[in-house]
Amino acid sequence: MTEKKIVVDYYFDYCCPWTYLSFKRLIQTTTRTVSVINWKPILLADIEQELGSIIDPKIPHPSEIKYETKDLQDWANYCGLKITPRNDDPKNVSKKALCGAFCAIEANKIADYSRLVFDAYFGGLKDISSNEVLTEIATKLELDPTDYESGINSTVNLKRLKNNATDLIERGGFGSPTMFVEDDMYFGNDRIPLVEFSIGRASGKILVLPGQHGT
């Protein structure tokens, strides 16, 4: 009897630090549970355009901003990742990198590609809207240079990003990272344990996770 393999739909944007954290943890989770990631690049600017001020109409208090910075660093330490706080406007900075993600998906190199893009942006403080930075990443992964250059400037790939954003919204999502295990939606880096538990339920396995309490 063939074991049921669960697919996790993963909607992501490279400009989100919490997505960077979830990226590594989700790979670890799907490896442990022998499940598969269905990579779904989205541009958060497209989400904001469709949802408008629904996402976050309030202005964060300075204390909240200070805590969020600490919380992000605590999670980075926990995940073994280097994150340097950025003060630039992330809107659209990841557009070309996300278009290039489709090339990496087709070449079956999306996990390595995403790691290098995330590391460049949050670890190296590099400009991932730069053709030079992205070409360097593509070269390391031996992606076809002609296809990649065409891909990051492709209107077709921009449309694919838009379609993924629309798809996410129609499924009830509103940001990055968002994960679906079948029809169950989970938003945010801190929901990874729930994703793993959901994979267990969907596959018919009993997964006991640290911190989980049952009856």
C-alpha atoms as a PDB file:
ATOM      1  CA  MET A   1       0.000   0.000   0.000  1.00  0.00           C
ATOM      2  CA  THR A   2       1.426   3.368  -1.055  1.00  0.00           C
ATOM      3  CA  GLU A   3       1.762   5.849   1.810  1.00  0.00           C
ATOM      4  CA  LYS A   4      -0.168   9.074   1.367  1.00  0.00           C
ATOM      5  CA  LYS A   5       2.214  11.997   0.764  1.00  0.00           C
ATOM      6  CA  ILE A   6       0.887  15.337   2.024  1.00  0.00           C
ATOM      7  CA  VAL A   7       1.473  18.533   0.040  1.00  0.00           C
ATOM      8  CA  VAL A   8       1.889  21.853   1.860  1.00  0.00           C
ATOM      9  CA  ASP A   9       0.996  24.904  -0.233  1.00  0.00           C
ATOM     10  CA  TYR A  10       3.518  27.599   0.742  1.00  0.00           C
ATOM     11  CA  TYR A  11       2.775  31.210  -0.203  1.00  0.00           C
ATOM     12  CA  PHE A  12       5.876  33.346   0.320  1.00  0.00           C
ATOM     13  CA  ASP A  13       7.544  36.694  -0.358  1.00  0.00           C
ATOM     14  CA  TYR A  14      11.294  37.129   0.076  1.00  0.00           C
ATOM     15  CA  CYS A  15      10.992  40.591   1.659  1.00  0.00           C
ATOM     16  CA  CYS A  16       9.327  39.253   4.850  1.00  0.00           C
ATOM     17  CA  PRO A  17      11.729  38.327   7.686  1.00  0.00           C
ATOM     18  CA  TRP A  18       9.162  36.017   9.298  1.00  0.00           C
ATOM     19  CA  THR A  19       8.914  34.149   6.022  1.00  0.00           C
ATOM     20  CA  TYR A  20      12.699  33.760   6.076  1.00  0.00           C
ATOM     21  CA  LEU A  21      12.381  32.069   9.473  1.00  0.00           C
ATOM     22  CA  SER A  22       9.479  29.867   8.384  1.00  0.00           C
ATOM     23  CA  PHE A  23      11.325  28.803   5.228  1.00  0.00           C
ATOM     24  CA  LYS A  24      13.995  26.823   7.057  1.00  0.00           C
ATOM     25  CA  ARG A  25      11.591  25.383   9.615  1.00  0.00           C
ATOM     26  CA  LEU A  26       9.054  24.292   7.003  1.00  0.00           C
ATOM     27  CA  ILE A  27      11.748  22.438   5.061  1.00  0.00           C
ATOM     28  CA  GLN A  28      12.752  20.658   8.277  1.00  0.00           C
ATOM     29  CA  THR A  29       9.103  19.825   8.994  1.00  0.00           C
ATOM     30  CA  THR A  30       8.357  18.435   5.547  1.00  0.00           C
ATOM     31  CA  THR A  31      11.591  16.433   5.626  1.00  0.00           C
ATOM     32  CA  ARG A  32      10.651  14.850   8.961  1.00  0.00           C
ATOM     33  CA  THR A  33       7.130  14.061   7.827  1.00  0.00           C
ATOM     34  CA  VAL A  34       8.091  12.975   4.295  1.00  0.00           C
ATOM     35  CA  SER A  35       5.727  15.587   2.855  1.00  0.00           C
ATOM     36  CA  VAL A  36       6.158  17.987  -0.055  1.00  0.00           C
ATOM     37  CA  ILE A  37       6.212  21.779  -0.403  1.00  0.00           C
ATOM     38  CA  ASN A  38       4.218  23.329  -3.245  1.00  0.00           C
ATOM     39  CA  TRP A  39       6.042  26.633  -3.678  1.00  0.00           C
ATOM     40  CA  LYS A  40       3.715  29.600  -4.408  1.00  0.00           C
ATOM     41  CA  PRO A  41       5.611  32.916  -4.821  1.00  0.00           C
ATOM     42  CA  ILE A  42       3.522  36.007  -4.059  1.00  0.00           C
ATOM     43  CA  LEU A  43       4.227  39.732  -4.082  1.00  0.00           C
ATOM     44  CA  LEU A  44       2.894  41.319  -0.887  1.00  0.00           C
ATOM     45  CA  ALA A  45       2.314  44.535  -2.809  1.00  0.00           C
ATOM     46  CA  ASP A  46      -0.290  42.643  -4.852  1.00  0.00           C
ATOM     47  CA  ILE A  47      -2.000  41.501  -1.650  1.00  0.00           C
ATOM     48  CA  GLU A  48      -2.029  45.049  -0.302  1.00  0.00           C
ATOM     49  CA  GLN A  49      -3.409  46.371  -3.562  1.00  0.00           C
ATOM     50  CA  GLU A  50      -6.329  43.942  -3.453  1.00  0.00           C
ATOM     51  CA  LEU A  51      -7.050  44.183   0.278  1.00  0.00           C
ATOM     52  CA  GLY A  52      -6.161  47.839   0.793  1.00  0.00           C
ATOM     53  CA  SER A  53      -6.056  49.039   4.393  1.00  0.00           C
ATOM     54  CA  ILE A  54      -7.657  45.841   5.675  1.00  0.00           C
ATOM     55  CA  ILE A  55      -4.213  44.338   6.334  1.00  0.00           C
ATOM     56  CA  ASP A  56      -2.998  46.699   9.054  1.00  0.00           C
ATOM     57  CA  PRO A  57      -4.656  50.094   9.380  1.00  0.00           C
ATOM     58  CA  LYS A  58      -3.042  50.947  12.727  1.00  0.00           C
ATOM     59  CA  ILE A  59       0.329  52.610  13.369  1.00  0.00           C
ATOM     60  CA  PRO A  60       2.514  50.481  15.694  1.00  0.00           C
ATOM     61  CA  HIS A  61       3.544  52.012  19.018  1.00  0.00           C
ATOM     62  CA  PRO A  62       7.347  52.474  19.474  1.00  0.00           C
ATOM     63  CA  SER A  63       7.304  49.870  22.265  1.00  0.00           C
ATOM     64  CA  GLU A  64       5.658  47.395  19.903  1.00  0.00           C
ATOM     65  CA  ILE A  65       8.278  48.080  17.240  1.00  0.00           C
ATOM     66  CA  LYS A  66      11.064  47.603  19.784  1.00  0.00           C
ATOM     67  CA  TYR A  67       9.608  44.300  20.954  1.00  0.00           C
ATOM     68  CA  GLU A  68       9.055  43.068  17.389  1.00  0.00           C
ATOM     69  CA  THR A  69      12.741  43.719  16.661  1.00  0.00           C
ATOM     70  CA  LYS A  70      13.755  41.714  19.735  1.00  0.00           C
ATOM     71  CA  ASP A  71      11.259  38.961  18.932  1.00  0.00           C
ATOM     72  CA  LEU A  72      12.610  38.665  15.401  1.00  0.00           C
ATOM     73  CA  GLN A  73      16.186  38.355  16.696  1.00  0.00           C
ATOM     74  CA  ASP A  74      15.130  35.763  19.294  1.00  0.00           C
ATOM     75  CA  TRP A  75      13.547  33.651  16.534  1.00  0.00           C
ATOM     76  CA  ALA A  76      16.606  34.101  14.311  1.00  0.00           C
ATOM     77  CA  ASN A  77      18.832  32.814  17.111  1.00  0.00           C
ATOM     78  CA  TYR A  78      16.464  29.889  17.651  1.00  0.00           C
ATOM     79  CA  CYS A  79      16.493  29.013  13.938  1.00  0.00           C
ATOM     80  CA  GLY A  80      20.250  29.466  13.572  1.00  0.00           C
ATOM     81  CA  LEU A  81      19.881  32.286  11.042  1.00  0.00           C
ATOM     82  CA  LYS A  82      21.533  35.672  10.691  1.00  0.00           C
ATOM     83  CA  ILE A  83      19.104  38.574  10.392  1.00  0.00           C
ATOM     84  CA  THR A  84      20.208  42.198  10.244  1.00  0.00           C
ATOM     85  CA  PRO A  85      17.392  44.734  10.767  1.00  0.00           C
ATOM     86  CA  ARG A  86      16.555  46.685   7.612  1.00  0.00           C
ATOM     87  CA  ASN A  87      15.098  50.184   7.474  1.00  0.00           C
ATOM     88  CA  ASP A  88      14.340  50.325   3.763  1.00  0.00           C
ATOM     89  CA  ASP A  89      10.888  50.050   2.210  1.00  0.00           C
ATOM     90  CA  PRO A  90      10.458  46.380   1.221  1.00  0.00           C
ATOM     91  CA  LYS A  91       7.553  47.046  -1.138  1.00  0.00           C
ATOM     92  CA  ASN A  92       8.344  45.578  -4.568  1.00  0.00           C
ATOM     93  CA  VAL A  93      12.021  45.008  -3.678  1.00  0.00           C
ATOM     94  CA  SER A  94      11.499  41.264  -4.103  1.00  0.00           C
ATOM     95  CA  LYS A  95       9.583  41.419  -7.394  1.00  0.00           C
ATOM     96  CA  LYS A  96      12.439  40.294  -9.662  1.00  0.00           C
ATOM     97  CA  ALA A  97      13.654  37.658  -7.196  1.00  0.00           C
ATOM     98  CA  LEU A  98      10.135  36.219  -7.002  1.00  0.00           C
ATOM     99  CA  CYS A  99       9.871  36.147 -10.793  1.00  0.00           C
ATOM    100  CA  GLY A 100      13.181  34.303 -10.793  1.00  0.00           C
ATOM    101  CA  ALA A 101      11.722  31.826  -8.307  1.00  0.00           C
ATOM    102  CA  PHE A 102       9.599  30.363 -11.099  1.00  0.00           C
ATOM    103  CA  CYS A 103      12.812  29.535 -12.991  1.00  0.00           C
ATOM    104  CA  ALA A 104      14.219  27.883  -9.867  1.00  0.00           C
ATOM    105  CA  ILE A 105      10.993  25.907  -9.370  1.00  0.00           C
ATOM    106  CA  GLU A 106      11.189  24.612 -12.944  1.00  0.00           C
ATOM    107  CA  ALA A 107      14.848  23.663 -12.424  1.00  0.00           C
ATOM    108  CA  ASN A 108      13.970  21.913  -9.121  1.00  0.00           C
ATOM    109  CA  LYS A 109      16.330  24.267  -7.248  1.00  0.00           C
ATOM    110  CA  ILE A 110      13.802  26.449  -5.430  1.00  0.00           C
ATOM    111  CA  ALA A 111      14.906  25.564  -1.884  1.00  0.00           C
ATOM    112  CA  ASP A 112      18.559  26.459  -2.577  1.00  0.00           C
ATOM    113  CA  TYR A 113      17.519  29.528  -4.565  1.00  0.00           C
ATOM    114  CA  SER A 114      15.280  30.776  -1.765  1.00  0.00           C
ATOM    115  CA  ARG A 115      17.998  30.229   0.828  1.00  0.00           C
ATOM    116  CA  LEU A 116      20.467  32.313  -1.174  1.00  0.00           C
ATOM    117  CA  VAL A 117      17.938  35.100  -1.805  1.00  0.00           C
ATOM    118  CA  PHE A 118      16.923  35.239   1.866  1.00  0.00           C
ATOM    119  CA  ASP A 119      20.563  35.140   3.011  1.00  0.00           C
ATOM    120  CA  ALA A 120      21.513  37.908   0.581  1.00  0.00           C
ATOM    121  CA  TYR A 121      18.689  40.186   1.705  1.00  0.00           C
ATOM    122  CA  PHE A 122      18.609  39.616   5.460  1.00  0.00           C
ATOM    123  CA  GLY A 123      22.123  38.340   6.120  1.00  0.00           C
ATOM    124  CA  GLY A 124      24.154  40.303   3.606  1.00  0.00           C
ATOM    125  CA  LEU A 125      21.932  43.418   3.357  1.00  0.00           C
ATOM    126  CA  LYS A 126      22.116  43.155  -0.423  1.00  0.00           C
ATOM    127  CA  ASP A 127      19.643  44.679  -2.858  1.00  0.00           C
ATOM    128  CA  ILE A 128      17.648  41.754  -4.244  1.00  0.00           C
ATOM    129  CA  SER A 129      16.048  44.025  -6.830  1.00  0.00           C
ATOM    130  CA  SER A 130      19.495  44.298  -8.449  1.00  0.00           C
ATOM    131  CA  ASN A 131      20.109  42.257 -11.582  1.00  0.00           C
ATOM    132  CA  GLU A 132      23.741  41.857 -10.557  1.00  0.00           C
ATOM    133  CA  VAL A 133      22.875  40.352  -7.157  1.00  0.00           C
ATOM    134  CA  LEU A 134      20.294  38.009  -8.659  1.00  0.00           C
ATOM    135  CA  THR A 135      22.558  36.940 -11.518  1.00  0.00           C
ATOM    136  CA  GLU A 136      25.245  36.044  -8.982  1.00  0.00           C
ATOM    137  CA  ILE A 137      22.743  33.811  -7.186  1.00  0.00           C
ATOM    138  CA  ALA A 138      21.602  32.200 -10.449  1.00  0.00           C
ATOM    139  CA  THR A 139      25.219  31.556 -11.426  1.00  0.00           C
ATOM    140  CA  LYS A 140      25.951  29.787  -8.120  1.00  0.00           C
ATOM    141  CA  LEU A 141      23.023  27.463  -8.786  1.00  0.00           C
ATOM    142  CA  GLU A 142      23.942  26.972 -12.448  1.00  0.00           C
ATOM    143  CA  LEU A 143      20.561  28.204 -13.623  1.00  0.00           C
ATOM    144  CA  ASP A 144      20.426  28.891 -17.355  1.00  0.00           C
ATOM    145  CA  PRO A 145      21.553  32.563 -17.564  1.00  0.00           C
ATOM    146  CA  THR A 146      19.426  33.413 -20.605  1.00  0.00           C
ATOM    147  CA  ASP A 147      16.276  31.843 -19.185  1.00  0.00           C
ATOM    148  CA  TYR A 148      16.874  33.430 -15.789  1.00  0.00           C
ATOM    149  CA  GLU A 149      17.477  36.940 -17.135  1.00  0.00           C
ATOM    150  CA  SER A 150      14.341  36.604 -19.210  1.00  0.00           C
ATOM    151  CA  GLY A 151      12.434  35.216 -16.224  1.00  0.00           C
ATOM    152  CA  ILE A 152      13.169  38.036 -13.782  1.00  0.00           C
ATOM    153  CA  ASN A 153      11.932  40.587 -16.326  1.00  0.00           C
ATOM    154  CA  SER A 154       9.000  38.515 -17.555  1.00  0.00           C
ATOM    155  CA  THR A 155       5.503  40.015 -17.650  1.00  0.00           C
ATOM    156  CA  VAL A 156       4.228  36.428 -17.721  1.00  0.00           C
ATOM    157  CA  ASN A 157       5.904  35.740 -14.364  1.00  0.00           C
ATOM    158  CA  LEU A 158       4.503  38.987 -12.949  1.00  0.00           C
ATOM    159  CA  LYS A 159       1.078  37.715 -13.937  1.00  0.00           C
ATOM    160  CA  ARG A 160       1.819  34.410 -12.232  1.00  0.00           C
ATOM    161  CA  LEU A 161       2.685  36.303  -9.027  1.00  0.00           C
ATOM    162  CA  LYS A 162      -0.579  38.214  -9.299  1.00  0.00           C
ATOM    163  CA  ASN A 163      -2.522  34.989  -9.845  1.00  0.00           C
ATOM    164  CA  ASN A 164      -0.911  33.410  -6.770  1.00  0.00           C
ATOM    165  CA  ALA A 165      -1.855  36.472  -4.702  1.00  0.00           C
ATOM    166  CA  THR A 166      -5.440  36.308  -5.919  1.00  0.00           C
ATOM    167  CA  ASP A 167      -5.532  32.574  -5.231  1.00  0.00           C
ATOM    168  CA  LEU A 168      -4.302  33.142  -1.674  1.00  0.00           C
ATOM    169  CA  ILE A 169      -6.894  35.838  -0.996  1.00  0.00           C
ATOM    170  CA  GLU A 170      -9.677  33.642  -2.353  1.00  0.00           C
ATOM    171  CA  ARG A 171      -8.575  30.896   0.042  1.00  0.00           C
ATOM    172  CA  GLY A 172      -8.820  33.331   2.967  1.00  0.00           C
ATOM    173  CA  GLY A 173      -5.161  34.354   3.196  1.00  0.00           C
ATOM    174  CA  PHE A 174      -3.734  37.835   3.621  1.00  0.00           C
ATOM    175  CA  GLY A 175       0.052  37.704   3.912  1.00  0.00           C
ATOM    176  CA  SER A 176       3.376  35.862   3.975  1.00  0.00           C
ATOM    177  CA  PRO A 177       4.137  33.209   5.066  1.00  0.00           C
ATOM    178  CA  THR A 178       0.867  31.337   4.607  1.00  0.00           C
ATOM    179  CA  MET A 179       0.703  27.562   4.530  1.00  0.00           C
ATOM    180  CA  PHE A 180      -2.129  25.209   3.661  1.00  0.00           C
ATOM    181  CA  VAL A 181      -2.305  21.548   4.594  1.00  0.00           C
ATOM    182  CA  GLU A 182      -5.182  20.475   2.387  1.00  0.00           C
ATOM    183  CA  ASP A 183      -7.834  23.116   3.297  1.00  0.00           C
ATOM    184  CA  ASP A 184      -6.386  24.082   6.698  1.00  0.00           C
ATOM    185  CA  MET A 185      -4.698  27.503   6.644  1.00  0.00           C
ATOM    186  CA  TYR A 186      -1.811  28.543   8.908  1.00  0.00           C
ATOM    187  CA  PHE A 187      -0.243  32.021   8.901  1.00  0.00           C
ATOM    188  CA  GLY A 188       3.117  32.964  10.357  1.00  0.00           C
ATOM    189  CA  ASN A 189       6.444  31.443  11.345  1.00  0.00           C
ATOM    190  CA  ASP A 190       5.188  30.497  14.802  1.00  0.00           C
ATOM    191  CA  ARG A 191       2.482  28.225  13.321  1.00  0.00           C
ATOM    192  CA  ILE A 192       4.984  25.646  12.011  1.00  0.00           C
ATOM    193  CA  PRO A 193       4.285  23.191  14.885  1.00  0.00           C
ATOM    194  CA  LEU A 194       0.585  23.361  13.984  1.00  0.00           C
ATOM    195  CA  VAL A 195       1.471  22.698  10.346  1.00  0.00           C
ATOM    196  CA  GLU A 196       3.405  19.603  11.378  1.00  0.00           C
ATOM    197  CA  PHE A 197       0.535  18.401  13.555  1.00  0.00           C
ATOM    198  CA  SER A 198      -1.883  18.992  10.673  1.00  0.00           C
ATOM    199  CA  ILE A 199       0.351  16.977   8.324  1.00  0.00           C
ATOM    200  CA  GLY A 200       0.180  14.125  10.809  1.00  0.00           C
ATOM    201  CA  ARG A 201      -3.609  14.232  10.920  1.00  0.00           C
ATOM    202  CA  ALA A 202      -3.908  14.430   7.126  1.00  0.00           C
ATOM    203  CA  SER A 203      -1.527  11.496   6.607  1.00  0.00           C
ATOM    204  CA  GLY A 204      -3.137   9.342   9.269  1.00  0.00           C
ATOM    205  CA  LYS A 205      -0.031   9.379  11.450  1.00  0.00           C
ATOM    206  CA  ILE A 206       0.100  10.265  15.138  1.00  0.00           C
ATOM    207  CA  LEU A 207       2.742  12.932  15.647  1.00  0.00           C
ATOM    208  CA  VAL A 208       3.521  13.962  19.218  1.00  0.00           C
ATOM    209  CA  LEU A 209       5.249  17.326  19.194  1.00  0.00           C
ATOM    210  CA  PRO A 210       7.203  19.098  21.964  1.00  0.00           C
ATOM    211  CA  GLY A 211       4.824  21.158  24.104  1.00  0.00           C
ATOM    212  CA  GLN A 212       1.726  19.375  22.806  1.00  0.00           C
ATOM    213  CA  HIS A 213      -0.874  18.367  25.376  1.00  0.00           C
ATOM    214  CA  GLY A 214      -3.542  15.797  24.616  1.00  0.00           C
ATOM    215  CA  THR A 215      -6.308  14.165  26.550  1.00  0.00           C
END
